[in-house]
Amino acid sequence: MKTSSAGARSVEPHVTIIAEGQTRSAVIALLLEHGPSTAGEIGEELGMSAAGVRRHLDALIAEGHVTAGESSPYVRRGRGRPAKQFRLTASGRGRLPHAYDDLAGAAMRRLRELGGDDAVRAFAADRIDDVVGDVEPTTPEQAERDPAAVERTAAQIADALTRSGFSADTRRVGNGVQICQHHCPVGHVAQEFPELCEAETARFTALLGTHVQRLATIANGDCACTTHVPLPTPTTSHPGPGRARVTSAADAQPPSPTATIHREDTDDRH
């Protein structure tokens, strides 16, 4: 964006952006580069009307990436109320690309050099423990008695992952439930260090009280990390109204002919 000596911004060649996600990314990039800006100024850069830009700004505000405030009195343009200026929040800055993956990869490689594979596995275990440390576990005994407890723990795991940037949810599939991570903030590092994924799977198993299976991972090029959690069939059943409960193998056996005759003889005597 170019600025004239009078302080007004000149219009550079417009950028045609089709996808809404691309438009909002462009808005964030402009706010990072130029600082607080009005909807009109952003619209000039993107070749959009101020009203069209405000729709995207409203969405970014709702997501917590942008905040709005009155412009500084020192940069007031024209008469009347000063135009609103929009600025990035810390969350908005976090949406921009960083070199964190390169730094994390270098740190992990150095850790392996100094401590070997065991050090990497220990680090991976500590990391996922920090993410799901507040999840209430389900014991294997609870899992056998109450599959709903497994589902509740799976939902807690998904919530904890989402708070850490994994954008996770759960869904029922057949006789189980799946934990789906639609984003992985360490996906590029996990390509080189599968210990990160292995530690997650082991921790999920411990928390859910039942064996889980990783069906897909972003690190392997899949569109999401998917973990299947089978829901066990309860071992104890409660009889419904009018149904007899079988309490032992002996109770389940039909009466013998001798016992039947004995009861009939007893009835004849009375």
C-alpha atoms as a PDB file:
ATOM      1  CA  MET A   1       0.000   0.000   0.000  1.00  0.00           C
ATOM      2  CA  LYS A   2       1.456   3.371  -1.000  1.00  0.00           C
ATOM      3  CA  THR A   3       0.969   6.576   0.999  1.00  0.00           C
ATOM      4  CA  SER A   4       1.038  10.069  -0.521  1.00  0.00           C
ATOM      5  CA  SER A   5       2.522  13.117   1.172  1.00  0.00           C
ATOM      6  CA  ALA A   6      -0.991  14.162   2.228  1.00  0.00           C
ATOM      7  CA  GLY A   7      -1.422  10.907   4.112  1.00  0.00           C
ATOM      8  CA  ALA A   8      -4.009   9.363   1.762  1.00  0.00           C
ATOM      9  CA  ARG A   9      -3.484   5.839   0.535  1.00  0.00           C
ATOM     10  CA  SER A  10      -3.242   5.279  -3.188  1.00  0.00           C
ATOM     11  CA  VAL A  11      -4.857   2.301  -4.845  1.00  0.00           C
ATOM     12  CA  GLU A  12      -2.530  -0.400  -6.065  1.00  0.00           C
ATOM     13  CA  PRO A  13      -3.674  -3.021  -8.622  1.00  0.00           C
ATOM     14  CA  HIS A  14      -6.706  -4.802  -7.307  1.00  0.00           C
ATOM     15  CA  VAL A  15      -6.488  -8.414  -6.306  1.00  0.00           C
ATOM     16  CA  THR A  16      -9.378 -10.622  -7.322  1.00  0.00           C
ATOM     17  CA  ILE A  17     -10.086 -13.114  -4.551  1.00  0.00           C
ATOM     18  CA  ILE A  18     -12.836 -15.665  -4.900  1.00  0.00           C
ATOM     19  CA  ALA A  19     -12.874 -17.891  -1.835  1.00  0.00           C
ATOM     20  CA  GLU A  20     -14.052 -16.279   1.384  1.00  0.00           C
ATOM     21  CA  GLY A  21     -11.244 -17.940   3.285  1.00  0.00           C
ATOM     22  CA  GLN A  22      -8.719 -16.394   0.930  1.00  0.00           C
ATOM     23  CA  THR A  23     -10.350 -12.995   1.298  1.00  0.00           C
ATOM     24  CA  ARG A  24     -10.168 -13.131   5.082  1.00  0.00           C
ATOM     25  CA  SER A  25      -6.563 -14.277   4.939  1.00  0.00           C
ATOM     26  CA  ALA A  26      -5.835 -11.291   2.698  1.00  0.00           C
ATOM     27  CA  VAL A  27      -7.566  -8.968   5.180  1.00  0.00           C
ATOM     28  CA  ILE A  28      -5.428 -10.342   8.001  1.00  0.00           C
ATOM     29  CA  ALA A  29      -2.254  -9.948   5.935  1.00  0.00           C
ATOM     30  CA  LEU A  30      -3.122  -6.324   5.152  1.00  0.00           C
ATOM     31  CA  LEU A  31      -3.809  -5.501   8.791  1.00  0.00           C
ATOM     32  CA  LEU A  32      -0.486  -7.046   9.756  1.00  0.00           C
ATOM     33  CA  GLU A  33       1.429  -5.111   7.127  1.00  0.00           C
ATOM     34  CA  HIS A  34      -0.252  -1.720   7.471  1.00  0.00           C
ATOM     35  CA  GLY A  35      -1.618  -1.750  11.010  1.00  0.00           C
ATOM     36  CA  PRO A  36      -5.082  -0.475  12.002  1.00  0.00           C
ATOM     37  CA  SER A  37      -7.120   0.285   8.884  1.00  0.00           C
ATOM     38  CA  THR A  38     -10.665   1.216   7.960  1.00  0.00           C
ATOM     39  CA  ALA A  39     -12.988  -0.949   5.884  1.00  0.00           C
ATOM     40  CA  GLY A  40     -12.674   1.557   3.050  1.00  0.00           C
ATOM     41  CA  GLU A  41      -8.887   1.357   3.033  1.00  0.00           C
ATOM     42  CA  ILE A  42      -8.962  -2.432   3.039  1.00  0.00           C
ATOM     43  CA  GLY A  43     -11.557  -2.393   0.268  1.00  0.00           C
ATOM     44  CA  GLU A  44      -9.334  -0.197  -1.893  1.00  0.00           C
ATOM     45  CA  GLU A  45      -6.536  -2.736  -1.646  1.00  0.00           C
ATOM     46  CA  LEU A  46      -8.745  -5.739  -2.409  1.00  0.00           C
ATOM     47  CA  GLY A  47     -10.931  -4.113  -5.059  1.00  0.00           C
ATOM     48  CA  MET A  48     -14.044  -4.529  -2.937  1.00  0.00           C
ATOM     49  CA  SER A  49     -16.682  -2.209  -1.573  1.00  0.00           C
ATOM     50  CA  ALA A  50     -16.454  -1.154   2.053  1.00  0.00           C
ATOM     51  CA  ALA A  51     -19.735  -2.993   2.700  1.00  0.00           C
ATOM     52  CA  GLY A  52     -18.306  -6.187   1.223  1.00  0.00           C
ATOM     53  CA  VAL A  53     -15.191  -5.896   3.367  1.00  0.00           C
ATOM     54  CA  ARG A  54     -17.252  -5.298   6.514  1.00  0.00           C
ATOM     55  CA  ARG A  55     -18.980  -8.653   6.044  1.00  0.00           C
ATOM     56  CA  HIS A  56     -15.610 -10.400   6.229  1.00  0.00           C
ATOM     57  CA  LEU A  57     -14.467  -8.170   9.088  1.00  0.00           C
ATOM     58  CA  ASP A  58     -17.612  -9.047  11.050  1.00  0.00           C
ATOM     59  CA  ALA A  59     -16.817 -12.753  10.602  1.00  0.00           C
ATOM     60  CA  LEU A  60     -13.219 -12.224  11.734  1.00  0.00           C
ATOM     61  CA  ILE A  61     -14.420 -10.261  14.763  1.00  0.00           C
ATOM     62  CA  ALA A  62     -16.824 -13.085  15.660  1.00  0.00           C
ATOM     63  CA  GLU A  63     -13.916 -15.543  15.458  1.00  0.00           C
ATOM     64  CA  GLY A  64     -11.804 -13.326  17.703  1.00  0.00           C
ATOM     65  CA  HIS A  65      -9.166 -12.571  15.064  1.00  0.00           C
ATOM     66  CA  VAL A  66      -9.939  -8.851  14.610  1.00  0.00           C
ATOM     67  CA  THR A  67     -11.164  -6.066  16.880  1.00  0.00           C
ATOM     68  CA  ALA A  68     -12.732  -2.733  15.975  1.00  0.00           C
ATOM     69  CA  GLY A  69     -12.269   0.684  17.553  1.00  0.00           C
ATOM     70  CA  GLU A  70     -12.491   4.385  16.829  1.00  0.00           C
ATOM     71  CA  SER A  71      -9.600   5.724  14.782  1.00  0.00           C
ATOM     72  CA  SER A  72      -7.081   8.021  16.382  1.00  0.00           C
ATOM     73  CA  PRO A  73      -8.099  11.710  16.445  1.00  0.00           C
ATOM     74  CA  TYR A  74      -4.720  12.500  14.900  1.00  0.00           C
ATOM     75  CA  VAL A  75      -5.601  10.680  11.698  1.00  0.00           C
ATOM     76  CA  ARG A  76      -9.207  11.805  11.370  1.00  0.00           C
ATOM     77  CA  ARG A  77     -10.237  12.064   7.742  1.00  0.00           C
ATOM     78  CA  GLY A  78     -12.855  14.661   6.852  1.00  0.00           C
ATOM     79  CA  ARG A  79     -15.744  15.805   8.983  1.00  0.00           C
ATOM     80  CA  GLY A  80     -18.058  13.841  11.199  1.00  0.00           C
ATOM     81  CA  ARG A  81     -17.350  10.834  13.339  1.00  0.00           C
ATOM     82  CA  PRO A  82     -14.007   9.151  12.709  1.00  0.00           C
ATOM     83  CA  ALA A  83     -14.247   5.902  10.785  1.00  0.00           C
ATOM     84  CA  LYS A  84     -13.790   2.642  12.654  1.00  0.00           C
ATOM     85  CA  GLN A  85     -10.369   1.141  12.432  1.00  0.00           C
ATOM     86  CA  PHE A  86      -9.819  -2.601  12.520  1.00  0.00           C
ATOM     87  CA  ARG A  87      -6.756  -4.242  14.038  1.00  0.00           C
ATOM     88  CA  LEU A  88      -5.494  -7.772  14.587  1.00  0.00           C
ATOM     89  CA  THR A  89      -5.760  -9.597  17.883  1.00  0.00           C
ATOM     90  CA  ALA A  90      -3.161 -12.083  19.106  1.00  0.00           C
ATOM     91  CA  SER A  91      -5.386 -14.851  17.707  1.00  0.00           C
ATOM     92  CA  GLY A  92      -5.416 -13.155  14.315  1.00  0.00           C
ATOM     93  CA  ARG A  93      -1.650 -12.922  14.254  1.00  0.00           C
ATOM     94  CA  GLY A  94      -1.538 -16.621  15.066  1.00  0.00           C
ATOM     95  CA  ARG A  95      -3.282 -17.398  11.764  1.00  0.00           C
ATOM     96  CA  LEU A  96      -0.311 -16.126   9.802  1.00  0.00           C
ATOM     97  CA  PRO A  97       2.419 -18.515   8.694  1.00  0.00           C
ATOM     98  CA  HIS A  98       5.352 -18.920  11.069  1.00  0.00           C
ATOM     99  CA  ALA A  99       8.688 -20.722  11.038  1.00  0.00           C
ATOM    100  CA  TYR A 100       7.695 -22.708  14.130  1.00  0.00           C
ATOM    101  CA  ASP A 101       7.752 -26.018  12.243  1.00  0.00           C
ATOM    102  CA  ASP A 102      11.375 -25.506  11.222  1.00  0.00           C
ATOM    103  CA  LEU A 103      12.352 -24.547  14.740  1.00  0.00           C
ATOM    104  CA  ALA A 104      10.466 -27.477  16.298  1.00  0.00           C
ATOM    105  CA  GLY A 105      11.973 -29.927  13.814  1.00  0.00           C
ATOM    106  CA  ALA A 106      15.486 -28.688  14.536  1.00  0.00           C
ATOM    107  CA  ALA A 107      14.883 -28.953  18.281  1.00  0.00           C
ATOM    108  CA  MET A 108      13.555 -32.504  17.948  1.00  0.00           C
ATOM    109  CA  ARG A 109      16.520 -33.576  15.841  1.00  0.00           C
ATOM    110  CA  ARG A 110      18.903 -32.149  18.417  1.00  0.00           C
ATOM    111  CA  LEU A 111      16.990 -33.926  21.194  1.00  0.00           C
ATOM    112  CA  ARG A 112      17.411 -37.232  19.359  1.00  0.00           C
ATOM    113  CA  GLU A 113      21.124 -36.608  18.935  1.00  0.00           C
ATOM    114  CA  LEU A 114      21.579 -35.917  22.642  1.00  0.00           C
ATOM    115  CA  GLY A 115      19.151 -38.391  24.208  1.00  0.00           C
ATOM    116  CA  GLY A 116      18.303 -40.939  21.535  1.00  0.00           C
ATOM    117  CA  ASP A 117      14.899 -42.333  20.616  1.00  0.00           C
ATOM    118  CA  ASP A 118      13.864 -42.731  24.264  1.00  0.00           C
ATOM    119  CA  ALA A 119      14.213 -38.988  24.806  1.00  0.00           C
ATOM    120  CA  VAL A 120      11.999 -38.267  21.799  1.00  0.00           C
ATOM    121  CA  ARG A 121       9.345 -40.728  23.003  1.00  0.00           C
ATOM    122  CA  ALA A 122       9.434 -39.230  26.504  1.00  0.00           C
ATOM    123  CA  PHE A 123       9.001 -35.736  25.088  1.00  0.00           C
ATOM    124  CA  ALA A 124       6.087 -36.868  22.895  1.00  0.00           C
ATOM    125  CA  ALA A 125       4.379 -38.488  25.906  1.00  0.00           C
ATOM    126  CA  ASP A 126       4.829 -35.354  28.019  1.00  0.00           C
ATOM    127  CA  ARG A 127       3.417 -33.193  25.248  1.00  0.00           C
ATOM    128  CA  ILE A 128       0.145 -35.107  24.850  1.00  0.00           C
ATOM    129  CA  ASP A 129      -0.176 -35.359  28.629  1.00  0.00           C
ATOM    130  CA  ASP A 130      -0.137 -31.558  28.745  1.00  0.00           C
ATOM    131  CA  VAL A 131      -2.898 -31.429  26.126  1.00  0.00           C
ATOM    132  CA  VAL A 132      -5.317 -33.948  27.699  1.00  0.00           C
ATOM    133  CA  GLY A 133      -4.211 -33.693  31.307  1.00  0.00           C
ATOM    134  CA  ASP A 134      -7.646 -32.519  32.505  1.00  0.00           C
ATOM    135  CA  VAL A 135      -9.595 -35.351  30.852  1.00  0.00           C
ATOM    136  CA  GLU A 136     -11.309 -37.689  33.313  1.00  0.00           C
ATOM    137  CA  PRO A 137     -10.264 -41.245  32.364  1.00  0.00           C
ATOM    138  CA  THR A 138     -12.534 -44.247  31.988  1.00  0.00           C
ATOM    139  CA  THR A 139     -11.196 -47.474  33.507  1.00  0.00           C
ATOM    140  CA  PRO A 140     -11.439 -50.777  31.603  1.00  0.00           C
ATOM    141  CA  GLU A 141     -14.014 -51.973  34.162  1.00  0.00           C
ATOM    142  CA  GLN A 142     -16.141 -48.862  33.591  1.00  0.00           C
ATOM    143  CA  ALA A 143     -15.827 -49.274  29.836  1.00  0.00           C
ATOM    144  CA  GLU A 144     -17.171 -52.834  29.999  1.00  0.00           C
ATOM    145  CA  ARG A 145     -20.121 -51.799  32.167  1.00  0.00           C
ATOM    146  CA  ASP A 146     -21.005 -48.511  30.495  1.00  0.00           C
ATOM    147  CA  PRO A 147     -20.062 -47.738  26.866  1.00  0.00           C
ATOM    148  CA  ALA A 148     -21.540 -44.259  27.354  1.00  0.00           C
ATOM    149  CA  ALA A 149     -18.641 -43.514  29.713  1.00  0.00           C
ATOM    150  CA  VAL A 150     -16.249 -44.199  26.834  1.00  0.00           C
ATOM    151  CA  GLU A 151     -18.151 -41.758  24.628  1.00  0.00           C
ATOM    152  CA  ARG A 152     -18.043 -39.073  27.310  1.00  0.00           C
ATOM    153  CA  THR A 153     -14.287 -39.449  27.681  1.00  0.00           C
ATOM    154  CA  ALA A 154     -13.834 -39.363  23.897  1.00  0.00           C
ATOM    155  CA  ALA A 155     -15.786 -36.087  23.788  1.00  0.00           C
ATOM    156  CA  GLN A 156     -13.584 -34.648  26.546  1.00  0.00           C
ATOM    157  CA  ILE A 157     -10.479 -35.654  24.579  1.00  0.00           C
ATOM    158  CA  ALA A 158     -11.840 -33.909  21.468  1.00  0.00           C
ATOM    159  CA  ASP A 159     -12.579 -30.742  23.467  1.00  0.00           C
ATOM    160  CA  ALA A 160      -9.069 -30.738  24.942  1.00  0.00           C
ATOM    161  CA  LEU A 161      -7.547 -31.204  21.479  1.00  0.00           C
ATOM    162  CA  THR A 162      -9.634 -28.354  20.063  1.00  0.00           C
ATOM    163  CA  ARG A 163      -8.445 -26.012  22.803  1.00  0.00           C
ATOM    164  CA  SER A 164      -4.886 -26.843  21.731  1.00  0.00           C
ATOM    165  CA  GLY A 165      -5.537 -26.063  18.060  1.00  0.00           C
ATOM    166  CA  PHE A 166      -6.422 -29.523  16.679  1.00  0.00           C
ATOM    167  CA  SER A 167     -10.057 -28.672  15.735  1.00  0.00           C
ATOM    168  CA  ALA A 168     -11.380 -32.067  16.859  1.00  0.00           C
ATOM    169  CA  ASP A 169     -14.816 -33.634  17.249  1.00  0.00           C
ATOM    170  CA  THR A 170     -16.381 -37.070  17.728  1.00  0.00           C
ATOM    171  CA  ARG A 171     -18.900 -39.057  15.722  1.00  0.00           C
ATOM    172  CA  ARG A 172     -20.656 -42.414  16.049  1.00  0.00           C
ATOM    173  CA  VAL A 173     -19.632 -44.923  13.380  1.00  0.00           C
ATOM    174  CA  GLY A 174     -21.062 -48.432  13.495  1.00  0.00           C
ATOM    175  CA  ASN A 175     -20.294 -50.056  16.833  1.00  0.00           C
ATOM    176  CA  GLY A 176     -17.833 -47.387  17.891  1.00  0.00           C
ATOM    177  CA  VAL A 177     -17.012 -43.717  18.102  1.00  0.00           C
ATOM    178  CA  GLN A 178     -14.334 -41.871  16.161  1.00  0.00           C
ATOM    179  CA  ILE A 179     -12.191 -38.956  17.315  1.00  0.00           C
ATOM    180  CA  CYS A 180     -11.472 -36.783  14.273  1.00  0.00           C
ATOM    181  CA  GLN A 181      -8.736 -34.129  14.342  1.00  0.00           C
ATOM    182  CA  HIS A 182      -9.315 -31.858  11.340  1.00  0.00           C
ATOM    183  CA  HIS A 183      -6.144 -29.866  11.899  1.00  0.00           C
ATOM    184  CA  CYS A 184      -2.747 -30.759  13.353  1.00  0.00           C
ATOM    185  CA  PRO A 185      -0.503 -27.883  14.465  1.00  0.00           C
ATOM    186  CA  VAL A 186       2.476 -30.267  14.553  1.00  0.00           C
ATOM    187  CA  GLY A 187       1.649 -32.191  11.379  1.00  0.00           C
ATOM    188  CA  HIS A 188       4.829 -31.300   9.500  1.00  0.00           C
ATOM    189  CA  VAL A 189       7.014 -32.239  12.473  1.00  0.00           C
ATOM    190  CA  ALA A 190       5.097 -35.498  12.966  1.00  0.00           C
ATOM    191  CA  GLN A 191       6.028 -36.542   9.421  1.00  0.00           C
ATOM    192  CA  GLU A 192       9.620 -36.847  10.603  1.00  0.00           C
ATOM    193  CA  PHE A 193       8.830 -37.859  14.172  1.00  0.00           C
ATOM    194  CA  PRO A 194       5.969 -40.412  14.213  1.00  0.00           C
ATOM    195  CA  GLU A 195       6.554 -40.742  17.958  1.00  0.00           C
ATOM    196  CA  LEU A 196       4.208 -37.776  18.350  1.00  0.00           C
ATOM    197  CA  CYS A 197       1.315 -39.703  16.797  1.00  0.00           C
ATOM    198  CA  GLU A 198       2.232 -42.906  18.623  1.00  0.00           C
ATOM    199  CA  ALA A 199       2.176 -41.104  21.973  1.00  0.00           C
ATOM    200  CA  GLU A 200      -1.281 -39.697  21.220  1.00  0.00           C
ATOM    201  CA  THR A 201      -2.648 -43.154  20.398  1.00  0.00           C
ATOM    202  CA  ALA A 202      -1.182 -44.664  23.568  1.00  0.00           C
ATOM    203  CA  ARG A 203      -2.600 -41.841  25.693  1.00  0.00           C
ATOM    204  CA  PHE A 204      -6.054 -42.185  24.138  1.00  0.00           C
ATOM    205  CA  THR A 205      -6.006 -45.915  24.927  1.00  0.00           C
ATOM    206  CA  ALA A 206      -5.100 -45.234  28.558  1.00  0.00           C
ATOM    207  CA  LEU A 207      -7.802 -42.590  28.962  1.00  0.00           C
ATOM    208  CA  LEU A 208     -10.583 -44.542  27.254  1.00  0.00           C
ATOM    209  CA  GLY A 209     -10.014 -47.860  29.014  1.00  0.00           C
ATOM    210  CA  THR A 210     -10.163 -49.752  25.719  1.00  0.00           C
ATOM    211  CA  HIS A 211      -7.888 -50.395  22.759  1.00  0.00           C
ATOM    212  CA  VAL A 212      -8.111 -47.757  20.022  1.00  0.00           C
ATOM    213  CA  GLN A 213      -6.990 -47.842  16.398  1.00  0.00           C
ATOM    214  CA  ARG A 214      -5.542 -45.010  14.324  1.00  0.00           C
ATOM    215  CA  LEU A 215      -7.172 -45.131  10.903  1.00  0.00           C
ATOM    216  CA  ALA A 216      -5.581 -42.033   9.353  1.00  0.00           C
ATOM    217  CA  THR A 217      -3.178 -39.211  10.164  1.00  0.00           C
ATOM    218  CA  ILE A 218      -2.507 -35.818   8.625  1.00  0.00           C
ATOM    219  CA  ALA A 219       1.213 -36.567   8.926  1.00  0.00           C
ATOM    220  CA  ASN A 220       0.727 -39.418   6.439  1.00  0.00           C
ATOM    221  CA  GLY A 221      -1.105 -37.181   3.980  1.00  0.00           C
ATOM    222  CA  ASP A 222      -4.686 -37.928   5.047  1.00  0.00           C
ATOM    223  CA  CYS A 223      -7.234 -35.130   5.345  1.00  0.00           C
ATOM    224  CA  ALA A 224      -7.713 -35.724   9.090  1.00  0.00           C
ATOM    225  CA  CYS A 225      -6.346 -37.729  11.985  1.00  0.00           C
ATOM    226  CA  THR A 226      -8.986 -40.374  12.734  1.00  0.00           C
ATOM    227  CA  THR A 227      -8.946 -42.633  15.787  1.00  0.00           C
ATOM    228  CA  HIS A 228     -11.528 -45.409  16.055  1.00  0.00           C
ATOM    229  CA  VAL A 229     -12.722 -46.301  19.546  1.00  0.00           C
ATOM    230  CA  PRO A 230     -14.780 -49.526  19.712  1.00  0.00           C
ATOM    231  CA  LEU A 231     -17.649 -49.447  22.169  1.00  0.00           C
ATOM    232  CA  PRO A 232     -17.826 -52.736  24.097  1.00  0.00           C
ATOM    233  CA  THR A 233     -21.105 -54.533  24.629  1.00  0.00           C
ATOM    234  CA  PRO A 234     -22.136 -54.295  28.303  1.00  0.00           C
ATOM    235  CA  THR A 235     -21.494 -57.541  30.175  1.00  0.00           C
ATOM    236  CA  THR A 236     -24.523 -57.206  32.476  1.00  0.00           C
ATOM    237  CA  SER A 237     -28.016 -56.734  31.195  1.00  0.00           C
ATOM    238  CA  HIS A 238     -31.075 -55.628  33.097  1.00  0.00           C
ATOM    239  CA  PRO A 239     -34.308 -57.494  32.237  1.00  0.00           C
ATOM    240  CA  GLY A 240     -37.224 -55.504  31.013  1.00  0.00           C
ATOM    241  CA  PRO A 241     -40.759 -55.716  32.435  1.00  0.00           C
ATOM    242  CA  GLY A 242     -42.230 -59.203  32.344  1.00  0.00           C
ATOM    243  CA  ARG A 243     -38.925 -60.897  31.476  1.00  0.00           C
ATOM    244  CA  ALA A 244     -37.231 -63.375  33.764  1.00  0.00           C
ATOM    245  CA  ARG A 245     -33.567 -62.764  34.541  1.00  0.00           C
ATOM    246  CA  VAL A 246     -31.138 -65.630  34.021  1.00  0.00           C
ATOM    247  CA  THR A 247     -28.805 -65.635  37.011  1.00  0.00           C
ATOM    248  CA  SER A 248     -26.814 -68.836  36.440  1.00  0.00           C
ATOM    249  CA  ALA A 249     -26.258 -71.674  34.031  1.00  0.00           C
ATOM    250  CA  ALA A 250     -28.373 -73.991  36.220  1.00  0.00           C
ATOM    251  CA  ASP A 251     -31.311 -71.606  36.078  1.00  0.00           C
ATOM    252  CA  ALA A 252     -31.110 -71.614  32.318  1.00  0.00           C
ATOM    253  CA  GLN A 253     -31.540 -75.445  32.058  1.00  0.00           C
ATOM    254  CA  PRO A 254     -35.042 -76.806  31.356  1.00  0.00           C
ATOM    255  CA  PRO A 255     -36.558 -78.943  34.173  1.00  0.00           C
ATOM    256  CA  SER A 256     -35.854 -82.678  33.979  1.00  0.00           C
ATOM    257  CA  PRO A 257     -38.679 -85.189  33.242  1.00  0.00           C
ATOM    258  CA  THR A 258     -38.305 -86.674  36.754  1.00  0.00           C
ATOM    259  CA  ALA A 259     -38.835 -83.314  38.348  1.00  0.00           C
ATOM    260  CA  THR A 260     -41.930 -82.760  36.213  1.00  0.00           C
ATOM    261  CA  ILE A 261     -43.439 -86.105  37.242  1.00  0.00           C
ATOM    262  CA  HIS A 262     -42.669 -85.438  40.874  1.00  0.00           C
ATOM    263  CA  ARG A 263     -44.528 -82.148  40.787  1.00  0.00           C
ATOM    264  CA  GLU A 264     -47.549 -83.753  39.054  1.00  0.00           C
ATOM    265  CA  ASP A 265     -47.698 -86.538  41.700  1.00  0.00           C
ATOM    266  CA  THR A 266     -47.584 -83.946  44.436  1.00  0.00           C
ATOM    267  CA  ASP A 267     -50.442 -82.007  42.852  1.00  0.00           C
ATOM    268  CA  ASP A 268     -52.582 -85.232  42.632  1.00  0.00           C
ATOM    269  CA  ARG A 269     -52.192 -85.840  46.366  1.00  0.00           C
ATOM    270  CA  HIS A 270     -53.770 -82.472  47.105  1.00  0.00           C
END
